[in-house]
Amino acid sequence: MKEQRLFTEADLACIREATRRAEARTAGEIVPYLVRQVDEYHEAPWRGAVLGALTGALIAGLLEGLAVHWAGVAGLGAGLLHVTLPALAGAASGYMLGSIRPLGRYLITASDVARRVQLRAEAAFLEEGVFRTRDRTGILIFLALFERQAVILADEGIHRAVPPETWPQVVDSLVAGIRAGRSTEALCQAIERCGEILEHHHVERRADDRDELEDGLRIRDR
């Protein structure tokens, strides 16, 4: 049921068929893999709270500097209203905004998100046994939907034939397609492009070659 909310049966069939066609021409074993979100990013609300508190204090300071005061308030009460309450209100607002998933993503640095996506892709490579092919010719096409990032991991049998700088262009095209709302089309094109690359670099099938890994798309929540 979860798969149906992301892809129709026709979408899944298209991805499966693209994988089958790409593998029919070469020794490559292509594994398409998608996660909805690689991490919960629990630190995002707290980062939002810190930024909100600083913003609240800054605004209070600016207003104080412009001699904007609450009438009839003096002493400790003035300090509470002028500084503490704006900072607390800012912290609470920042925490709530950081708890909203699409907004919280922007409170995590791009390098941190990329690192977590890479680690999750490496875990998927092991989980799905992409390395368990006779000639080590497995390829993982990993897509993190929430993060809108992709990673391609190729086993050592592919590395020996294909230069590492070949894959970023495939990744960039896949990510662009995802961001444009063409998830199925972009993924099928990435799979087919991997097959073309392997064919170009002569990663050839053996006479007794067989399908070693399942062709369908794997979908996980995390």
C-alpha atoms as a PDB file:
ATOM      1  CA  MET A   1       0.000   0.000   0.000  1.00  0.00           C
ATOM      2  CA  LYS A   2       2.816   2.430   0.758  1.00  0.00           C
ATOM      3  CA  GLU A   3       4.259   1.944  -2.717  1.00  0.00           C
ATOM      4  CA  GLN A   4       0.953   2.951  -4.269  1.00  0.00           C
ATOM      5  CA  ARG A   5       1.100   6.388  -2.673  1.00  0.00           C
ATOM      6  CA  LEU A   6       4.368   7.124  -4.439  1.00  0.00           C
ATOM      7  CA  PHE A   7       4.132   5.134  -7.678  1.00  0.00           C
ATOM      8  CA  THR A   8       1.303   3.546  -9.620  1.00  0.00           C
ATOM      9  CA  GLU A   9       1.505  -0.033 -10.834  1.00  0.00           C
ATOM     10  CA  ALA A  10       2.326   1.382 -14.273  1.00  0.00           C
ATOM     11  CA  ASP A  11       5.189   3.412 -12.779  1.00  0.00           C
ATOM     12  CA  LEU A  12       6.632   0.365 -11.028  1.00  0.00           C
ATOM     13  CA  ALA A  13       6.310  -1.694 -14.196  1.00  0.00           C
ATOM     14  CA  CYS A  14       8.120   1.025 -16.169  1.00  0.00           C
ATOM     15  CA  ILE A  15      11.010   1.047 -13.683  1.00  0.00           C
ATOM     16  CA  ARG A  16      11.196  -2.745 -13.676  1.00  0.00           C
ATOM     17  CA  GLU A  17      11.205  -2.882 -17.478  1.00  0.00           C
ATOM     18  CA  ALA A  18      13.873  -0.156 -17.730  1.00  0.00           C
ATOM     19  CA  THR A  19      16.057  -2.184 -15.366  1.00  0.00           C
ATOM     20  CA  ARG A  20      15.507  -5.368 -17.343  1.00  0.00           C
ATOM     21  CA  ARG A  21      16.418  -3.647 -20.638  1.00  0.00           C
ATOM     22  CA  ALA A  22      19.556  -2.058 -19.190  1.00  0.00           C
ATOM     23  CA  GLU A  23      20.737  -5.356 -17.749  1.00  0.00           C
ATOM     24  CA  ALA A  24      20.010  -7.274 -20.956  1.00  0.00           C
ATOM     25  CA  ARG A  25      22.872  -5.513 -22.751  1.00  0.00           C
ATOM     26  CA  THR A  26      25.599  -5.791 -20.099  1.00  0.00           C
ATOM     27  CA  ALA A  27      26.777  -7.699 -17.045  1.00  0.00           C
ATOM     28  CA  GLY A  28      25.543  -4.915 -14.770  1.00  0.00           C
ATOM     29  CA  GLU A  29      22.999  -5.616 -12.035  1.00  0.00           C
ATOM     30  CA  ILE A  30      21.099  -2.385 -11.394  1.00  0.00           C
ATOM     31  CA  VAL A  31      19.238  -1.864  -8.129  1.00  0.00           C
ATOM     32  CA  PRO A  32      16.882   1.169  -7.950  1.00  0.00           C
ATOM     33  CA  TYR A  33      16.243   2.142  -4.339  1.00  0.00           C
ATOM     34  CA  LEU A  34      14.156   4.957  -2.839  1.00  0.00           C
ATOM     35  CA  VAL A  35      13.727   6.242   0.709  1.00  0.00           C
ATOM     36  CA  ARG A  36      11.128   8.801   1.639  1.00  0.00           C
ATOM     37  CA  GLN A  37      13.475  10.499   4.135  1.00  0.00           C
ATOM     38  CA  VAL A  38      16.904   9.399   5.339  1.00  0.00           C
ATOM     39  CA  ASP A  39      16.726  11.044   8.788  1.00  0.00           C
ATOM     40  CA  GLU A  40      14.286  12.665  11.224  1.00  0.00           C
ATOM     41  CA  TYR A  41      16.586  15.693  11.734  1.00  0.00           C
ATOM     42  CA  HIS A  42      15.641  16.061  15.388  1.00  0.00           C
ATOM     43  CA  GLU A  43      18.098  18.930  15.798  1.00  0.00           C
ATOM     44  CA  ALA A  44      16.197  21.163  13.351  1.00  0.00           C
ATOM     45  CA  PRO A  45      13.605  22.468  15.879  1.00  0.00           C
ATOM     46  CA  TRP A  46      16.348  23.296  18.387  1.00  0.00           C
ATOM     47  CA  ARG A  47      18.344  25.135  15.775  1.00  0.00           C
ATOM     48  CA  GLY A  48      15.188  27.026  14.947  1.00  0.00           C
ATOM     49  CA  ALA A  49      14.728  27.851  18.635  1.00  0.00           C
ATOM     50  CA  VAL A  50      18.247  29.257  18.902  1.00  0.00           C
ATOM     51  CA  LEU A  51      17.825  31.352  15.783  1.00  0.00           C
ATOM     52  CA  GLY A  52      14.410  32.525  16.974  1.00  0.00           C
ATOM     53  CA  ALA A  53      15.750  33.529  20.389  1.00  0.00           C
ATOM     54  CA  LEU A  54      18.607  35.473  18.840  1.00  0.00           C
ATOM     55  CA  THR A  55      16.235  37.152  16.421  1.00  0.00           C
ATOM     56  CA  GLY A  56      13.843  38.079  19.222  1.00  0.00           C
ATOM     57  CA  ALA A  57      16.657  39.512  21.328  1.00  0.00           C
ATOM     58  CA  LEU A  58      18.001  41.433  18.345  1.00  0.00           C
ATOM     59  CA  ILE A  59      14.617  42.966  17.596  1.00  0.00           C
ATOM     60  CA  ALA A  60      14.192  43.898  21.261  1.00  0.00           C
ATOM     61  CA  GLY A  61      17.616  45.516  21.253  1.00  0.00           C
ATOM     62  CA  LEU A  62      16.850  47.478  18.110  1.00  0.00           C
ATOM     63  CA  LEU A  63      13.586  48.718  19.554  1.00  0.00           C
ATOM     64  CA  GLU A  64      15.350  49.667  22.782  1.00  0.00           C
ATOM     65  CA  GLY A  65      17.928  51.551  20.779  1.00  0.00           C
ATOM     66  CA  LEU A  66      15.195  53.463  19.011  1.00  0.00           C
ATOM     67  CA  ALA A  67      13.742  54.379  22.387  1.00  0.00           C
ATOM     68  CA  VAL A  68      10.554  52.394  21.841  1.00  0.00           C
ATOM     69  CA  HIS A  69       9.357  51.564  25.373  1.00  0.00           C
ATOM     70  CA  TRP A  70       6.266  50.203  26.985  1.00  0.00           C
ATOM     71  CA  ALA A  71       4.532  52.979  28.868  1.00  0.00           C
ATOM     72  CA  GLY A  72       4.503  52.819  32.611  1.00  0.00           C
ATOM     73  CA  VAL A  73       6.940  49.889  32.900  1.00  0.00           C
ATOM     74  CA  ALA A  74      10.174  50.258  34.806  1.00  0.00           C
ATOM     75  CA  GLY A  75      12.817  48.265  36.614  1.00  0.00           C
ATOM     76  CA  LEU A  76      12.738  44.449  36.523  1.00  0.00           C
ATOM     77  CA  GLY A  77       9.417  44.367  34.713  1.00  0.00           C
ATOM     78  CA  ALA A  78      10.858  46.479  31.919  1.00  0.00           C
ATOM     79  CA  GLY A  79      13.782  44.120  31.487  1.00  0.00           C
ATOM     80  CA  LEU A  80      11.425  41.152  31.377  1.00  0.00           C
ATOM     81  CA  LEU A  81       9.284  42.714  28.684  1.00  0.00           C
ATOM     82  CA  HIS A  82      12.084  44.324  26.706  1.00  0.00           C
ATOM     83  CA  VAL A  83      14.500  41.389  26.478  1.00  0.00           C
ATOM     84  CA  THR A  84      13.351  38.110  28.011  1.00  0.00           C
ATOM     85  CA  LEU A  85       9.887  37.821  26.513  1.00  0.00           C
ATOM     86  CA  PRO A  86      10.962  38.636  22.923  1.00  0.00           C
ATOM     87  CA  ALA A  87      13.751  36.050  23.175  1.00  0.00           C
ATOM     88  CA  LEU A  88      11.391  33.417  24.585  1.00  0.00           C
ATOM     89  CA  ALA A  89       8.743  34.190  21.975  1.00  0.00           C
ATOM     90  CA  GLY A  90      11.363  33.964  19.248  1.00  0.00           C
ATOM     91  CA  ALA A  91      12.639  30.642  20.598  1.00  0.00           C
ATOM     92  CA  ALA A  92       9.140  29.165  20.732  1.00  0.00           C
ATOM     93  CA  SER A  93       8.326  30.367  17.230  1.00  0.00           C
ATOM     94  CA  GLY A  94      11.623  29.058  15.862  1.00  0.00           C
ATOM     95  CA  TYR A  95      11.088  25.659  17.485  1.00  0.00           C
ATOM     96  CA  MET A  96       7.606  25.327  15.997  1.00  0.00           C
ATOM     97  CA  LEU A  97       8.773  26.350  12.544  1.00  0.00           C
ATOM     98  CA  GLY A  98      11.740  23.970  12.749  1.00  0.00           C
ATOM     99  CA  SER A  99       9.335  21.126  13.591  1.00  0.00           C
ATOM    100  CA  ILE A 100       7.615  21.540  10.220  1.00  0.00           C
ATOM    101  CA  ARG A 101       9.433  19.079   7.955  1.00  0.00           C
ATOM    102  CA  PRO A 102       9.795  21.163   4.780  1.00  0.00           C
ATOM    103  CA  LEU A 103      11.000  24.162   6.800  1.00  0.00           C
ATOM    104  CA  GLY A 104      13.210  22.165   9.157  1.00  0.00           C
ATOM    105  CA  ARG A 105      15.208  20.856   6.207  1.00  0.00           C
ATOM    106  CA  TYR A 106      16.556  24.355   5.628  1.00  0.00           C
ATOM    107  CA  LEU A 107      17.968  24.466   9.157  1.00  0.00           C
ATOM    108  CA  ILE A 108      20.337  21.587   8.344  1.00  0.00           C
ATOM    109  CA  THR A 109      23.461  22.420   6.360  1.00  0.00           C
ATOM    110  CA  ALA A 110      23.664  21.090   2.806  1.00  0.00           C
ATOM    111  CA  SER A 111      26.905  19.268   3.617  1.00  0.00           C
ATOM    112  CA  ASP A 112      25.289  17.525   6.594  1.00  0.00           C
ATOM    113  CA  VAL A 113      22.300  16.415   4.508  1.00  0.00           C
ATOM    114  CA  ALA A 114      24.615  15.148   1.754  1.00  0.00           C
ATOM    115  CA  ARG A 115      26.674  13.213   4.320  1.00  0.00           C
ATOM    116  CA  ARG A 116      23.583  11.503   5.753  1.00  0.00           C
ATOM    117  CA  VAL A 117      22.268  10.649   2.299  1.00  0.00           C
ATOM    118  CA  GLN A 118      25.656   9.143   1.385  1.00  0.00           C
ATOM    119  CA  LEU A 119      25.742   7.052   4.561  1.00  0.00           C
ATOM    120  CA  ARG A 120      22.186   5.816   3.982  1.00  0.00           C
ATOM    121  CA  ALA A 121      23.072   4.892   0.392  1.00  0.00           C
ATOM    122  CA  GLU A 122      26.086   2.911   1.603  1.00  0.00           C
ATOM    123  CA  ALA A 123      23.858   1.104   4.107  1.00  0.00           C
ATOM    124  CA  ALA A 124      21.366   0.286   1.329  1.00  0.00           C
ATOM    125  CA  PHE A 125      24.220  -1.065  -0.810  1.00  0.00           C
ATOM    126  CA  LEU A 126      24.947  -3.606   1.937  1.00  0.00           C
ATOM    127  CA  GLU A 127      21.306  -4.286   2.873  1.00  0.00           C
ATOM    128  CA  GLU A 128      20.335  -5.165  -0.688  1.00  0.00           C
ATOM    129  CA  GLY A 129      23.450  -7.257  -1.306  1.00  0.00           C
ATOM    130  CA  VAL A 130      24.472  -5.194  -4.328  1.00  0.00           C
ATOM    131  CA  PHE A 131      27.985  -6.560  -3.831  1.00  0.00           C
ATOM    132  CA  ARG A 132      26.776 -10.176  -4.093  1.00  0.00           C
ATOM    133  CA  THR A 133      27.201 -10.606  -7.837  1.00  0.00           C
ATOM    134  CA  ARG A 134      29.580 -13.017  -9.510  1.00  0.00           C
ATOM    135  CA  ASP A 135      31.754 -10.356 -11.123  1.00  0.00           C
ATOM    136  CA  ARG A 136      31.025  -7.536  -8.639  1.00  0.00           C
ATOM    137  CA  THR A 137      29.047  -5.620 -11.250  1.00  0.00           C
ATOM    138  CA  GLY A 138      26.232  -4.291  -9.075  1.00  0.00           C
ATOM    139  CA  ILE A 139      25.037  -0.666  -9.251  1.00  0.00           C
ATOM    140  CA  LEU A 140      22.812   1.029  -6.687  1.00  0.00           C
ATOM    141  CA  ILE A 141      20.746   3.992  -7.855  1.00  0.00           C
ATOM    142  CA  PHE A 142      19.733   5.559  -4.540  1.00  0.00           C
ATOM    143  CA  LEU A 143      17.143   8.310  -4.308  1.00  0.00           C
ATOM    144  CA  ALA A 144      16.284  10.265  -1.147  1.00  0.00           C
ATOM    145  CA  LEU A 145      12.883  11.781  -1.891  1.00  0.00           C
ATOM    146  CA  PHE A 146      12.545  14.291   0.972  1.00  0.00           C
ATOM    147  CA  GLU A 147      16.142  15.473   0.599  1.00  0.00           C
ATOM    148  CA  ARG A 148      15.843  15.534  -3.217  1.00  0.00           C
ATOM    149  CA  GLN A 149      19.251  13.963  -3.574  1.00  0.00           C
ATOM    150  CA  ALA A 150      20.558  10.899  -5.376  1.00  0.00           C
ATOM    151  CA  VAL A 151      23.646   8.721  -5.136  1.00  0.00           C
ATOM    152  CA  ILE A 152      24.996   6.104  -7.524  1.00  0.00           C
ATOM    153  CA  LEU A 153      27.246   3.459  -5.992  1.00  0.00           C
ATOM    154  CA  ALA A 154      28.972   0.996  -8.289  1.00  0.00           C
ATOM    155  CA  ASP A 155      30.816  -2.133  -7.190  1.00  0.00           C
ATOM    156  CA  GLU A 156      34.470  -2.751  -7.937  1.00  0.00           C
ATOM    157  CA  GLY A 157      33.794  -4.660 -11.150  1.00  0.00           C
ATOM    158  CA  ILE A 158      32.220  -1.490 -12.541  1.00  0.00           C
ATOM    159  CA  HIS A 159      34.936   0.780 -11.142  1.00  0.00           C
ATOM    160  CA  ARG A 160      37.563  -1.106 -13.062  1.00  0.00           C
ATOM    161  CA  ALA A 161      35.843  -0.224 -16.338  1.00  0.00           C
ATOM    162  CA  VAL A 162      34.011   3.067 -15.796  1.00  0.00           C
ATOM    163  CA  PRO A 163      35.734   6.310 -14.704  1.00  0.00           C
ATOM    164  CA  PRO A 164      34.241   7.690 -11.445  1.00  0.00           C
ATOM    165  CA  GLU A 165      33.612  11.086 -13.043  1.00  0.00           C
ATOM    166  CA  THR A 166      31.014   9.457 -15.320  1.00  0.00           C
ATOM    167  CA  TRP A 167      28.311   9.168 -12.637  1.00  0.00           C
ATOM    168  CA  PRO A 168      27.733  12.769 -11.411  1.00  0.00           C
ATOM    169  CA  GLN A 169      26.062  13.729 -14.680  1.00  0.00           C
ATOM    170  CA  VAL A 170      23.595  10.853 -14.311  1.00  0.00           C
ATOM    171  CA  VAL A 171      22.919  11.906 -10.703  1.00  0.00           C
ATOM    172  CA  ASP A 172      22.364  15.545 -11.684  1.00  0.00           C
ATOM    173  CA  SER A 173      19.866  14.602 -14.381  1.00  0.00           C
ATOM    174  CA  LEU A 174      18.005  12.316 -11.979  1.00  0.00           C
ATOM    175  CA  VAL A 175      17.776  15.000  -9.283  1.00  0.00           C
ATOM    176  CA  ALA A 176      16.614  17.603 -11.816  1.00  0.00           C
ATOM    177  CA  GLY A 177      13.852  15.259 -12.932  1.00  0.00           C
ATOM    178  CA  ILE A 178      12.742  14.595  -9.360  1.00  0.00           C
ATOM    179  CA  ARG A 179      12.591  18.307  -8.574  1.00  0.00           C
ATOM    180  CA  ALA A 180      10.540  18.855 -11.720  1.00  0.00           C
ATOM    181  CA  GLY A 181       7.995  16.278 -10.544  1.00  0.00           C
ATOM    182  CA  ARG A 182       9.011  13.605 -13.091  1.00  0.00           C
ATOM    183  CA  SER A 183      10.111  10.928 -10.608  1.00  0.00           C
ATOM    184  CA  THR A 184       9.280   7.847 -12.651  1.00  0.00           C
ATOM    185  CA  GLU A 185      10.533   9.223 -15.944  1.00  0.00           C
ATOM    186  CA  ALA A 186      13.764  10.510 -14.394  1.00  0.00           C
ATOM    187  CA  LEU A 187      14.463   7.213 -12.631  1.00  0.00           C
ATOM    188  CA  CYS A 188      13.813   5.169 -15.776  1.00  0.00           C
ATOM    189  CA  GLN A 189      16.113   7.452 -17.752  1.00  0.00           C
ATOM    190  CA  ALA A 190      18.841   7.122 -15.114  1.00  0.00           C
ATOM    191  CA  ILE A 191      18.581   3.328 -15.239  1.00  0.00           C
ATOM    192  CA  GLU A 192      18.742   3.306 -19.023  1.00  0.00           C
ATOM    193  CA  ARG A 193      21.687   5.700 -18.982  1.00  0.00           C
ATOM    194  CA  CYS A 194      23.564   3.376 -16.615  1.00  0.00           C
ATOM    195  CA  GLY A 195      23.016   0.552 -19.086  1.00  0.00           C
ATOM    196  CA  GLU A 196      24.351   2.688 -21.946  1.00  0.00           C
ATOM    197  CA  ILE A 197      27.426   3.621 -19.927  1.00  0.00           C
ATOM    198  CA  LEU A 198      28.204   0.001 -19.091  1.00  0.00           C
ATOM    199  CA  GLU A 199      27.714  -0.994 -22.708  1.00  0.00           C
ATOM    200  CA  HIS A 200      30.005   1.815 -23.868  1.00  0.00           C
ATOM    201  CA  HIS A 201      32.727   0.710 -21.459  1.00  0.00           C
ATOM    202  CA  HIS A 202      32.369  -2.940 -22.464  1.00  0.00           C
ATOM    203  CA  VAL A 203      31.034  -4.364 -19.216  1.00  0.00           C
ATOM    204  CA  GLU A 204      29.893  -7.370 -21.207  1.00  0.00           C
ATOM    205  CA  ARG A 205      27.612 -10.239 -20.331  1.00  0.00           C
ATOM    206  CA  ARG A 206      28.944 -13.750 -20.097  1.00  0.00           C
ATOM    207  CA  ALA A 207      27.310 -16.515 -22.090  1.00  0.00           C
ATOM    208  CA  ASP A 208      25.926 -17.996 -18.863  1.00  0.00           C
ATOM    209  CA  ASP A 209      24.902 -14.661 -17.353  1.00  0.00           C
ATOM    210  CA  ARG A 210      21.751 -14.686 -15.228  1.00  0.00           C
ATOM    211  CA  ASP A 211      19.682 -12.114 -13.365  1.00  0.00           C
ATOM    212  CA  GLU A 212      21.239 -12.093  -9.897  1.00  0.00           C
ATOM    213  CA  LEU A 213      19.330  -9.244  -8.231  1.00  0.00           C
ATOM    214  CA  GLU A 214      15.641  -8.348  -8.302  1.00  0.00           C
ATOM    215  CA  ASP A 215      14.756  -5.736 -10.947  1.00  0.00           C
ATOM    216  CA  GLY A 216      11.972  -3.924  -9.087  1.00  0.00           C
ATOM    217  CA  LEU A 217      12.175  -0.650  -7.192  1.00  0.00           C
ATOM    218  CA  ARG A 218      12.829  -0.940  -3.467  1.00  0.00           C
ATOM    219  CA  ILE A 219      10.946   1.627  -1.360  1.00  0.00           C
ATOM    220  CA  ARG A 220      11.658   2.364   2.303  1.00  0.00           C
ATOM    221  CA  ASP A 221      10.403   4.982   4.762  1.00  0.00           C
ATOM    222  CA  ARG A 222      13.920   5.517   6.168  1.00  0.00           C
END
